[in-house]
Amino acid sequence: MSGIEREIYLENRTSLIDQWEFAEIWVDPWLSPPYILMLVKEQSGKFSIQNPAQNYKSIFTSDTYEESLMWLLEDEYERVTGRFCQPE
């Protein structure tokens, strides 16, 4: 990772630190190794699906959990048990 890439990565990570309420991990189990995405509820109330392999780039956004859920299920992603919440 070059210096500029690392700086962009750190900026993205820093901006995400306080801007989410919960995150779920979803995997495509048919790939080896499994492909991982995150479903994140942002403080704004919006939902986004982010790709950790691409510096947490948002690849889908919606106003509802159900819409995001359907997007993941359409592509046969499976949720990893549990939910990660923002520490209080």
N, C-alpha and C. Protein backbone atom coordinates (compact mmCIF):
# COMPACT_ATOMS: atom_id res chain seq x y z
N MET A 1 0.86 -1.17 0.00
CA MET A 1 0.00 0.00 0.00
C MET A 1 0.91 1.23 0.00
N SER A 2 0.69 2.12 -0.96
CA SER A 2 1.49 3.34 -1.03
C SER A 2 1.09 4.30 0.09
N GLY A 3 1.88 5.34 0.28
CA GLY A 3 1.59 6.33 1.31
C GLY A 3 0.25 7.01 1.10
N ILE A 4 -0.07 7.34 -0.15
CA ILE A 4 -1.34 8.01 -0.46
C ILE A 4 -2.50 7.05 -0.22
N GLU A 5 -2.36 5.79 -0.65
CA GLU A 5 -3.42 4.80 -0.43
C GLU A 5 -3.66 4.59 1.06
N ARG A 6 -2.58 4.54 1.83
CA ARG A 6 -2.72 4.36 3.28
C ARG A 6 -3.41 5.56 3.90
N GLU A 7 -3.09 6.76 3.43
CA GLU A 7 -3.72 7.98 3.96
C GLU A 7 -5.22 7.98 3.66
N ILE A 8 -5.61 7.60 2.45
CA ILE A 8 -7.03 7.52 2.09
C ILE A 8 -7.72 6.46 2.94
N TYR A 9 -7.06 5.33 3.11
CA TYR A 9 -7.63 4.26 3.94
C TYR A 9 -7.87 4.75 5.36
N LEU A 10 -6.89 5.42 5.94
CA LEU A 10 -7.03 5.91 7.32
C LEU A 10 -8.12 6.98 7.43
N GLU A 11 -8.25 7.84 6.41
CA GLU A 11 -9.32 8.84 6.41
C GLU A 11 -10.68 8.16 6.39
N ASN A 12 -10.84 7.14 5.55
CA ASN A 12 -12.11 6.41 5.48
C ASN A 12 -12.42 5.74 6.80
N ARG A 13 -11.44 5.10 7.40
CA ARG A 13 -11.65 4.41 8.68
C ARG A 13 -12.00 5.42 9.77
N THR A 14 -11.31 6.55 9.82
CA THR A 14 -11.56 7.56 10.84
C THR A 14 -12.96 8.13 10.69
N SER A 15 -13.41 8.36 9.47
CA SER A 15 -14.74 8.93 9.27
C SER A 15 -15.84 7.94 9.65
N LEU A 16 -15.52 6.64 9.65
CA LEU A 16 -16.52 5.63 10.00
C LEU A 16 -16.63 5.40 11.50
N ILE A 17 -15.64 5.81 12.26
CA ILE A 17 -15.55 5.45 13.67
C ILE A 17 -16.81 5.78 14.45
N ASP A 18 -17.35 6.97 14.34
CA ASP A 18 -18.49 7.39 15.14
C ASP A 18 -19.78 7.53 14.34
N GLN A 19 -19.80 7.07 13.12
CA GLN A 19 -20.95 7.33 12.27
C GLN A 19 -21.83 6.11 12.04
N TRP A 20 -21.77 5.13 12.91
CA TRP A 20 -22.59 3.94 12.72
C TRP A 20 -23.21 3.51 14.04
N GLU A 21 -24.36 2.83 13.92
CA GLU A 21 -25.06 2.30 15.09
C GLU A 21 -24.80 0.81 15.27
N PHE A 22 -24.92 0.06 14.16
CA PHE A 22 -24.59 -1.36 14.22
C PHE A 22 -24.09 -1.83 12.87
N ALA A 23 -23.43 -2.99 12.89
CA ALA A 23 -22.92 -3.58 11.66
C ALA A 23 -23.14 -5.09 11.71
N GLU A 24 -23.49 -5.64 10.58
CA GLU A 24 -23.63 -7.08 10.43
C GLU A 24 -22.63 -7.55 9.38
N ILE A 25 -22.09 -8.73 9.58
CA ILE A 25 -21.16 -9.31 8.62
C ILE A 25 -21.93 -10.32 7.77
N TRP A 26 -21.79 -10.20 6.46
CA TRP A 26 -22.44 -11.10 5.52
C TRP A 26 -21.38 -11.73 4.63
N VAL A 27 -21.55 -13.00 4.28
CA VAL A 27 -20.57 -13.70 3.46
C VAL A 27 -21.25 -14.39 2.28
N ASP A 28 -20.49 -14.51 1.21
CA ASP A 28 -20.88 -15.37 0.09
C ASP A 28 -20.14 -16.68 0.31
N PRO A 29 -20.81 -17.69 0.86
CA PRO A 29 -20.13 -18.93 1.25
C PRO A 29 -19.70 -19.80 0.08
N TRP A 30 -20.14 -19.45 -1.12
CA TRP A 30 -19.83 -20.29 -2.28
C TRP A 30 -18.46 -19.99 -2.85
N LEU A 31 -17.85 -18.89 -2.43
CA LEU A 31 -16.51 -18.55 -2.89
C LEU A 31 -15.49 -19.06 -1.88
N SER A 32 -14.29 -19.30 -2.34
CA SER A 32 -13.23 -19.76 -1.43
C SER A 32 -12.01 -18.88 -1.64
N PRO A 33 -11.62 -18.12 -0.64
CA PRO A 33 -12.27 -17.94 0.66
C PRO A 33 -13.57 -17.15 0.49
N PRO A 34 -14.48 -17.25 1.47
CA PRO A 34 -15.76 -16.53 1.37
C PRO A 34 -15.56 -15.03 1.20
N TYR A 35 -16.42 -14.42 0.40
CA TYR A 35 -16.38 -12.98 0.17
C TYR A 35 -17.20 -12.29 1.25
N ILE A 36 -16.65 -11.27 1.87
CA ILE A 36 -17.27 -10.63 3.03
C ILE A 36 -17.76 -9.22 2.69
N LEU A 37 -18.97 -8.89 3.14
CA LEU A 37 -19.53 -7.55 3.07
C LEU A 37 -20.07 -7.18 4.44
N MET A 38 -20.22 -5.89 4.69
CA MET A 38 -20.79 -5.41 5.94
C MET A 38 -22.06 -4.62 5.66
N LEU A 39 -23.11 -4.91 6.41
CA LEU A 39 -24.34 -4.12 6.38
C LEU A 39 -24.27 -3.20 7.60
N VAL A 40 -24.25 -1.90 7.35
CA VAL A 40 -24.04 -0.91 8.41
C VAL A 40 -25.24 0.02 8.51
N LYS A 41 -25.75 0.18 9.73
CA LYS A 41 -26.75 1.22 9.96
C LYS A 41 -26.00 2.46 10.43
N GLU A 42 -26.11 3.52 9.66
CA GLU A 42 -25.39 4.75 9.96
C GLU A 42 -26.18 5.60 10.95
N GLN A 43 -25.51 6.51 11.62
CA GLN A 43 -26.16 7.41 12.57
C GLN A 43 -27.26 8.22 11.89
N SER A 44 -27.15 8.45 10.61
CA SER A 44 -28.15 9.22 9.85
C SER A 44 -29.46 8.45 9.68
N GLY A 45 -29.44 7.15 10.00
CA GLY A 45 -30.62 6.32 9.79
C GLY A 45 -30.58 5.54 8.49
N LYS A 46 -29.66 5.87 7.61
CA LYS A 46 -29.50 5.16 6.33
C LYS A 46 -28.77 3.85 6.57
N PHE A 47 -28.90 2.96 5.62
CA PHE A 47 -28.21 1.67 5.65
C PHE A 47 -27.29 1.60 4.45
N SER A 48 -26.10 1.06 4.67
CA SER A 48 -25.17 0.90 3.55
C SER A 48 -24.52 -0.47 3.62
N ILE A 49 -24.20 -0.98 2.45
CA ILE A 49 -23.45 -2.22 2.36
C ILE A 49 -22.06 -1.81 1.92
N GLN A 50 -21.09 -2.20 2.74
CA GLN A 50 -19.72 -1.76 2.53
C GLN A 50 -18.81 -2.95 2.29
N ASN A 51 -17.78 -2.71 1.48
CA ASN A 51 -16.82 -3.75 1.15
C ASN A 51 -15.51 -3.48 1.91
N PRO A 52 -15.21 -4.26 2.96
CA PRO A 52 -13.98 -4.04 3.71
C PRO A 52 -12.72 -4.22 2.85
N ALA A 53 -12.80 -5.04 1.81
CA ALA A 53 -11.65 -5.28 0.94
C ALA A 53 -11.33 -4.08 0.06
N GLN A 54 -12.27 -3.13 -0.04
CA GLN A 54 -12.08 -1.92 -0.85
C GLN A 54 -12.16 -0.68 0.04
N ASN A 55 -11.45 -0.71 1.17
CA ASN A 55 -11.41 0.43 2.10
C ASN A 55 -12.81 0.84 2.58
N TYR A 56 -13.67 -0.14 2.78
CA TYR A 56 -15.03 0.09 3.28
C TYR A 56 -15.87 0.96 2.32
N LYS A 57 -15.58 0.79 1.05
CA LYS A 57 -16.35 1.50 0.02
C LYS A 57 -17.81 1.07 0.10
N SER A 58 -18.72 2.03 0.07
CA SER A 58 -20.14 1.75 0.08
C SER A 58 -20.56 1.32 -1.32
N ILE A 59 -21.12 0.11 -1.43
CA ILE A 59 -21.51 -0.41 -2.74
C ILE A 59 -23.02 -0.42 -2.94
N PHE A 60 -23.77 -0.16 -1.86
CA PHE A 60 -25.23 -0.07 -1.95
C PHE A 60 -25.71 0.73 -0.75
N THR A 61 -26.68 1.61 -0.96
CA THR A 61 -27.28 2.35 0.16
C THR A 61 -28.79 2.32 0.02
N SER A 62 -29.48 2.39 1.17
CA SER A 62 -30.94 2.41 1.15
C SER A 62 -31.45 3.10 2.40
N ASP A 63 -32.75 3.36 2.38
CA ASP A 63 -33.40 3.99 3.53
C ASP A 63 -33.89 2.97 4.55
N THR A 64 -33.98 1.70 4.15
CA THR A 64 -34.53 0.70 5.06
C THR A 64 -33.63 -0.52 5.17
N TYR A 65 -33.72 -1.16 6.32
CA TYR A 65 -33.00 -2.41 6.55
C TYR A 65 -33.49 -3.48 5.57
N GLU A 66 -34.79 -3.54 5.37
CA GLU A 66 -35.38 -4.58 4.51
C GLU A 66 -34.85 -4.49 3.08
N GLU A 67 -34.70 -3.28 2.57
CA GLU A 67 -34.19 -3.10 1.21
C GLU A 67 -32.74 -3.59 1.11
N SER A 68 -31.94 -3.28 2.11
CA SER A 68 -30.56 -3.75 2.13
C SER A 68 -30.50 -5.27 2.27
N LEU A 69 -31.35 -5.79 3.12
CA LEU A 69 -31.43 -7.24 3.33
C LEU A 69 -31.77 -7.95 2.02
N MET A 70 -32.74 -7.44 1.30
CA MET A 70 -33.13 -8.06 0.03
C MET A 70 -31.99 -8.03 -0.99
N TRP A 71 -31.22 -6.93 -0.99
CA TRP A 71 -30.09 -6.82 -1.90
C TRP A 71 -29.09 -7.94 -1.61
N LEU A 72 -28.80 -8.17 -0.34
CA LEU A 72 -27.85 -9.22 0.03
C LEU A 72 -28.41 -10.61 -0.27
N LEU A 73 -29.67 -10.83 0.05
CA LEU A 73 -30.27 -12.15 -0.16
C LEU A 73 -30.42 -12.49 -1.65
N GLU A 74 -30.63 -11.46 -2.48
CA GLU A 74 -30.71 -11.68 -3.93
C GLU A 74 -29.45 -12.33 -4.46
N ASP A 75 -28.31 -11.92 -3.90
CA ASP A 75 -27.02 -12.47 -4.33
C ASP A 75 -26.57 -13.63 -3.46
N GLU A 76 -27.50 -14.17 -2.66
CA GLU A 76 -27.29 -15.35 -1.84
C GLU A 76 -26.22 -15.20 -0.76
N TYR A 77 -26.08 -13.98 -0.25
CA TYR A 77 -25.20 -13.78 0.91
C TYR A 77 -25.89 -14.34 2.14
N GLU A 78 -25.09 -14.78 3.10
CA GLU A 78 -25.61 -15.30 4.36
C GLU A 78 -25.04 -14.49 5.51
N ARG A 79 -25.89 -14.18 6.48
CA ARG A 79 -25.45 -13.37 7.61
C ARG A 79 -24.68 -14.22 8.61
N VAL A 80 -23.56 -13.67 9.07
CA VAL A 80 -22.83 -14.29 10.16
C VAL A 80 -23.61 -13.98 11.43
N THR A 81 -23.80 -14.97 12.29
CA THR A 81 -24.60 -14.79 13.49
C THR A 81 -24.04 -13.66 14.36
N GLY A 82 -24.93 -12.80 14.80
CA GLY A 82 -24.54 -11.71 15.68
C GLY A 82 -24.56 -10.37 15.00
N ARG A 83 -24.43 -9.36 15.83
CA ARG A 83 -24.46 -7.97 15.35
C ARG A 83 -23.48 -7.19 16.22
N PHE A 84 -22.72 -6.34 15.60
CA PHE A 84 -21.75 -5.52 16.31
C PHE A 84 -22.34 -4.13 16.51
N CYS A 85 -22.35 -3.65 17.75
CA CYS A 85 -22.92 -2.34 18.05
C CYS A 85 -21.83 -1.35 18.41
N GLN A 86 -22.10 -0.09 18.12
CA GLN A 86 -21.19 1.00 18.47
C GLN A 86 -21.10 1.07 20.00
N PRO A 87 -19.87 1.07 20.55
CA PRO A 87 -19.74 1.19 22.02
C PRO A 87 -20.30 2.53 22.50
N GLU A 88 -20.92 2.49 23.66
CA GLU A 88 -21.51 3.73 24.20
C GLU A 88 -20.53 4.48 25.06
